[in-house]
Amino acid sequence: MIAHAAALSARGVSHNTHVVILTGSLEQLQQLEKELTWDGISHTAFHEPDAPYLGALMSIGIEPLTERRMVRRYLKRFQLLGESHEVDSVETGSRDAAQAGA
């Protein structure tokens, strides 16, 4: 699911674009989606259509941004995947992941 949002949001990617995978709660993802929409930041929210999630927000891909300060503003509350914990199940990992190109 992370790859879905990353691929869908990868418009205008250059050779020096990076994908950063972050983790957070479902509530944090929902808040991020609201903030990005409100501020007009181009992004792709991936909702899993299949059971057991049936439309639940699973990940968000943000189109590559060149201003690091802007990226930090939205993503500072998330943790880098693998840095503080390991994802040990598909249910936990996919539901709690967000990624951004920067």
N, C-alpha and C. Protein backbone atom coordinates (compact mmCIF):
# COMPACT_ATOMS: atom_id res chain seq x y z
N MET A 1 0.81 -1.19 0.00
CA MET A 1 0.00 0.00 0.00
C MET A 1 0.86 1.26 0.00
N ILE A 2 1.98 1.17 0.66
CA ILE A 2 2.89 2.31 0.65
C ILE A 2 3.36 2.57 -0.77
N ALA A 3 3.69 1.51 -1.47
CA ALA A 3 4.17 1.66 -2.85
C ALA A 3 3.09 2.24 -3.76
N HIS A 4 1.83 1.91 -3.52
CA HIS A 4 0.75 2.47 -4.32
C HIS A 4 0.73 3.99 -4.23
N ALA A 5 0.75 4.51 -3.04
CA ALA A 5 0.69 5.97 -2.87
C ALA A 5 1.95 6.64 -3.39
N ALA A 6 3.10 6.01 -3.18
CA ALA A 6 4.34 6.59 -3.69
C ALA A 6 4.32 6.66 -5.21
N ALA A 7 3.90 5.59 -5.85
CA ALA A 7 3.85 5.57 -7.32
C ALA A 7 2.83 6.55 -7.87
N LEU A 8 1.68 6.63 -7.23
CA LEU A 8 0.63 7.53 -7.70
C LEU A 8 0.98 9.00 -7.53
N SER A 9 1.83 9.31 -6.57
CA SER A 9 2.18 10.70 -6.30
C SER A 9 3.48 11.13 -6.98
N ALA A 10 4.11 10.25 -7.74
CA ALA A 10 5.44 10.50 -8.28
C ALA A 10 5.44 11.25 -9.61
N ARG A 11 4.65 12.27 -9.73
CA ARG A 11 4.65 13.09 -10.95
C ARG A 11 5.81 14.06 -10.89
N GLY A 12 6.50 14.22 -12.00
CA GLY A 12 7.59 15.19 -12.06
C GLY A 12 8.82 14.79 -11.27
N VAL A 13 9.07 13.51 -11.14
CA VAL A 13 10.20 13.03 -10.37
C VAL A 13 11.50 13.23 -11.15
N SER A 14 12.51 13.75 -10.47
CA SER A 14 13.82 13.92 -11.08
C SER A 14 14.77 12.84 -10.55
N HIS A 15 15.96 12.81 -11.06
CA HIS A 15 16.93 11.79 -10.67
C HIS A 15 17.36 11.89 -9.20
N ASN A 16 17.17 13.03 -8.57
CA ASN A 16 17.58 13.18 -7.17
C ASN A 16 16.40 13.20 -6.20
N THR A 17 15.29 12.65 -6.61
CA THR A 17 14.12 12.55 -5.74
C THR A 17 14.27 11.34 -4.83
N HIS A 18 13.89 11.51 -3.57
CA HIS A 18 13.98 10.44 -2.59
C HIS A 18 12.59 10.10 -2.08
N VAL A 19 12.39 8.84 -1.74
CA VAL A 19 11.17 8.41 -1.08
C VAL A 19 11.51 8.17 0.38
N VAL A 20 10.75 8.80 1.26
CA VAL A 20 10.95 8.64 2.69
C VAL A 20 9.70 7.99 3.24
N ILE A 21 9.86 6.90 3.98
CA ILE A 21 8.72 6.20 4.53
C ILE A 21 8.66 6.46 6.02
N LEU A 22 7.53 6.98 6.44
CA LEU A 22 7.32 7.35 7.84
C LEU A 22 6.15 6.57 8.42
N THR A 23 6.10 6.48 9.72
CA THR A 23 5.00 5.79 10.38
C THR A 23 4.27 6.73 11.32
N GLY A 24 3.01 6.45 11.51
CA GLY A 24 2.19 7.22 12.42
C GLY A 24 0.86 6.52 12.61
N SER A 25 0.03 7.06 13.44
CA SER A 25 -1.28 6.47 13.70
C SER A 25 -2.25 6.82 12.58
N LEU A 26 -3.35 6.11 12.56
CA LEU A 26 -4.41 6.40 11.60
C LEU A 26 -4.90 7.83 11.79
N GLU A 27 -5.01 8.27 13.02
CA GLU A 27 -5.46 9.63 13.30
C GLU A 27 -4.47 10.66 12.73
N GLN A 28 -3.18 10.38 12.85
CA GLN A 28 -2.18 11.28 12.28
C GLN A 28 -2.27 11.33 10.76
N LEU A 29 -2.51 10.18 10.13
CA LEU A 29 -2.68 10.16 8.68
C LEU A 29 -3.90 10.97 8.25
N GLN A 30 -4.99 10.81 8.97
CA GLN A 30 -6.21 11.55 8.64
C GLN A 30 -5.99 13.05 8.80
N GLN A 31 -5.28 13.45 9.85
CA GLN A 31 -4.98 14.86 10.06
C GLN A 31 -4.07 15.39 8.96
N LEU A 32 -3.07 14.60 8.58
CA LEU A 32 -2.17 14.99 7.51
C LEU A 32 -2.95 15.20 6.21
N GLU A 33 -3.85 14.30 5.90
CA GLU A 33 -4.66 14.43 4.68
C GLU A 33 -5.47 15.73 4.70
N LYS A 34 -6.05 16.06 5.84
CA LYS A 34 -6.82 17.31 5.97
C LYS A 34 -5.92 18.53 5.76
N GLU A 35 -4.75 18.52 6.39
CA GLU A 35 -3.84 19.66 6.28
C GLU A 35 -3.34 19.85 4.85
N LEU A 36 -2.97 18.77 4.20
CA LEU A 36 -2.48 18.85 2.83
C LEU A 36 -3.57 19.37 1.89
N THR A 37 -4.77 18.87 2.07
CA THR A 37 -5.90 19.32 1.25
C THR A 37 -6.19 20.79 1.49
N TRP A 38 -6.25 21.18 2.75
CA TRP A 38 -6.54 22.57 3.12
C TRP A 38 -5.51 23.53 2.53
N ASP A 39 -4.23 23.14 2.57
CA ASP A 39 -3.15 24.00 2.11
C ASP A 39 -2.85 23.87 0.62
N GLY A 40 -3.59 23.01 -0.07
CA GLY A 40 -3.42 22.87 -1.51
C GLY A 40 -2.14 22.14 -1.92
N ILE A 41 -1.62 21.29 -1.05
CA ILE A 41 -0.42 20.51 -1.36
C ILE A 41 -0.86 19.25 -2.11
N SER A 42 -0.30 19.06 -3.30
CA SER A 42 -0.68 17.93 -4.12
C SER A 42 -0.24 16.62 -3.48
N HIS A 43 -1.18 15.72 -3.32
CA HIS A 43 -0.90 14.44 -2.68
C HIS A 43 -1.88 13.39 -3.18
N THR A 44 -1.57 12.14 -2.89
CA THR A 44 -2.44 11.03 -3.23
C THR A 44 -2.68 10.23 -1.96
N ALA A 45 -3.94 10.10 -1.59
CA ALA A 45 -4.30 9.27 -0.44
C ALA A 45 -4.74 7.91 -0.98
N PHE A 46 -4.16 6.86 -0.44
CA PHE A 46 -4.52 5.51 -0.87
C PHE A 46 -5.43 4.88 0.16
N HIS A 47 -6.63 4.53 -0.28
CA HIS A 47 -7.61 3.85 0.56
C HIS A 47 -7.71 2.40 0.08
N GLU A 48 -7.52 1.46 0.98
CA GLU A 48 -7.57 0.04 0.62
C GLU A 48 -9.02 -0.38 0.36
N PRO A 49 -9.32 -0.83 -0.87
CA PRO A 49 -10.69 -1.18 -1.20
C PRO A 49 -11.12 -2.56 -0.69
N ASP A 50 -10.16 -3.43 -0.40
CA ASP A 50 -10.48 -4.81 -0.05
C ASP A 50 -10.67 -5.01 1.45
N ALA A 51 -11.33 -6.12 1.78
CA ALA A 51 -11.51 -6.51 3.18
C ALA A 51 -10.14 -6.85 3.76
N PRO A 52 -9.89 -6.62 4.99
CA PRO A 52 -10.85 -6.17 5.99
C PRO A 52 -10.94 -4.66 6.14
N TYR A 53 -10.19 -3.90 5.33
CA TYR A 53 -10.11 -2.44 5.53
C TYR A 53 -11.25 -1.67 4.86
N LEU A 54 -11.72 -2.14 3.72
CA LEU A 54 -12.91 -1.59 3.07
C LEU A 54 -12.94 -0.07 3.01
N GLY A 55 -11.95 0.50 2.34
CA GLY A 55 -11.93 1.95 2.14
C GLY A 55 -11.13 2.74 3.15
N ALA A 56 -10.48 2.07 4.09
CA ALA A 56 -9.71 2.77 5.12
C ALA A 56 -8.48 3.43 4.51
N LEU A 57 -8.14 4.60 5.03
CA LEU A 57 -6.93 5.31 4.62
C LEU A 57 -5.72 4.51 5.07
N MET A 58 -4.84 4.18 4.11
CA MET A 58 -3.69 3.34 4.42
C MET A 58 -2.37 4.07 4.28
N SER A 59 -2.27 4.97 3.32
CA SER A 59 -1.02 5.69 3.11
C SER A 59 -1.27 6.95 2.31
N ILE A 60 -0.31 7.86 2.37
CA ILE A 60 -0.39 9.13 1.64
C ILE A 60 0.93 9.35 0.94
N GLY A 61 0.86 9.67 -0.33
CA GLY A 61 2.04 10.04 -1.09
C GLY A 61 1.97 11.53 -1.40
N ILE A 62 3.02 12.25 -1.11
CA ILE A 62 3.08 13.68 -1.38
C ILE A 62 3.97 13.88 -2.60
N GLU A 63 3.49 14.68 -3.55
CA GLU A 63 4.32 14.96 -4.71
C GLU A 63 5.63 15.56 -4.23
N PRO A 64 6.72 15.28 -4.95
CA PRO A 64 8.02 15.80 -4.52
C PRO A 64 7.99 17.31 -4.29
N LEU A 65 8.54 17.72 -3.16
CA LEU A 65 8.64 19.13 -2.79
C LEU A 65 10.11 19.48 -2.68
N THR A 66 10.48 20.64 -3.14
CA THR A 66 11.88 21.04 -3.08
C THR A 66 12.23 21.81 -1.81
N GLU A 67 11.26 22.35 -1.15
CA GLU A 67 11.50 23.13 0.07
C GLU A 67 11.42 22.22 1.29
N ARG A 68 12.56 21.91 1.88
CA ARG A 68 12.62 21.00 3.03
C ARG A 68 11.80 21.52 4.21
N ARG A 69 11.79 22.83 4.40
CA ARG A 69 11.04 23.41 5.51
C ARG A 69 9.55 23.08 5.40
N MET A 70 9.03 23.12 4.18
CA MET A 70 7.62 22.82 3.97
C MET A 70 7.34 21.35 4.27
N VAL A 71 8.24 20.47 3.85
CA VAL A 71 8.06 19.05 4.10
C VAL A 71 8.05 18.79 5.60
N ARG A 72 9.00 19.36 6.32
CA ARG A 72 9.08 19.16 7.77
C ARG A 72 7.82 19.64 8.47
N ARG A 73 7.26 20.73 8.00
CA ARG A 73 6.06 21.28 8.63
C ARG A 73 4.95 20.24 8.72
N TYR A 74 4.81 19.45 7.68
CA TYR A 74 3.74 18.46 7.65
C TYR A 74 4.12 17.13 8.27
N LEU A 75 5.38 16.78 8.22
CA LEU A 75 5.79 15.42 8.57
C LEU A 75 6.57 15.29 9.86
N LYS A 76 6.79 16.37 10.59
CA LYS A 76 7.63 16.31 11.78
C LYS A 76 7.07 15.41 12.88
N ARG A 77 5.79 15.17 12.90
CA ARG A 77 5.20 14.34 13.95
C ARG A 77 5.27 12.84 13.65
N PHE A 78 5.77 12.47 12.47
CA PHE A 78 5.90 11.07 12.09
C PHE A 78 7.31 10.58 12.35
N GLN A 79 7.46 9.26 12.52
CA GLN A 79 8.77 8.66 12.74
C GLN A 79 9.21 7.94 11.47
N LEU A 80 10.51 7.93 11.24
CA LEU A 80 11.08 7.22 10.11
C LEU A 80 10.89 5.73 10.32
N LEU A 81 10.35 5.04 9.32
CA LEU A 81 10.11 3.60 9.43
C LEU A 81 11.41 2.88 9.64
N GLY A 82 11.44 1.99 10.62
CA GLY A 82 12.62 1.19 10.90
C GLY A 82 13.58 1.83 11.88
N GLU A 83 13.44 3.13 12.12
CA GLU A 83 14.37 3.81 13.01
C GLU A 83 14.02 3.56 14.48
N SER A 84 12.73 3.60 14.81
CA SER A 84 12.35 3.47 16.20
C SER A 84 11.66 2.15 16.51
N HIS A 85 11.18 1.47 15.48
CA HIS A 85 10.51 0.20 15.69
C HIS A 85 10.42 -0.56 14.37
N GLU A 86 10.14 -1.83 14.49
CA GLU A 86 9.96 -2.63 13.29
C GLU A 86 8.49 -2.93 13.12
N VAL A 87 8.06 -2.96 11.89
CA VAL A 87 6.68 -3.32 11.59
C VAL A 87 6.64 -4.83 11.50
N ASP A 88 5.82 -5.46 12.34
CA ASP A 88 5.81 -6.91 12.37
C ASP A 88 4.57 -7.53 11.77
N SER A 89 3.67 -6.71 11.24
CA SER A 89 2.50 -7.31 10.59
C SER A 89 2.02 -6.40 9.48
N VAL A 90 1.41 -7.00 8.51
CA VAL A 90 0.88 -6.23 7.39
C VAL A 90 -0.22 -5.30 7.88
N GLU A 91 -1.05 -5.76 8.79
CA GLU A 91 -2.14 -4.93 9.28
C GLU A 91 -1.61 -3.67 9.95
N THR A 92 -0.67 -3.79 10.85
CA THR A 92 -0.13 -2.63 11.55
C THR A 92 0.70 -1.77 10.61
N GLY A 93 1.61 -2.37 9.89
CA GLY A 93 2.52 -1.60 9.06
C GLY A 93 1.85 -0.84 7.95
N SER A 94 0.96 -1.48 7.23
CA SER A 94 0.35 -0.80 6.10
C SER A 94 -0.63 0.27 6.54
N ARG A 95 -1.30 0.06 7.62
CA ARG A 95 -2.28 1.03 8.08
C ARG A 95 -1.62 2.28 8.63
N ASP A 96 -0.42 2.13 9.19
CA ASP A 96 0.22 3.24 9.88
C ASP A 96 1.34 3.87 9.08
N ALA A 97 1.34 3.75 7.78
CA ALA A 97 2.47 4.27 7.01
C ALA A 97 2.07 5.45 6.15
N ALA A 98 2.97 6.38 6.07
CA ALA A 98 2.83 7.53 5.17
C ALA A 98 4.18 7.73 4.51
N GLN A 99 4.22 8.21 3.33
CA GLN A 99 5.48 8.48 2.70
C GLN A 99 5.41 9.78 1.94
N ALA A 100 6.58 10.33 1.69
CA ALA A 100 6.64 11.60 0.96
C ALA A 100 7.90 11.63 0.14
N GLY A 101 7.83 12.22 -1.02
CA GLY A 101 9.03 12.45 -1.81
C GLY A 101 9.55 13.83 -1.46
N ALA A 102 10.83 13.95 -1.26
CA ALA A 102 11.42 15.24 -0.93
C ALA A 102 12.77 15.37 -1.58
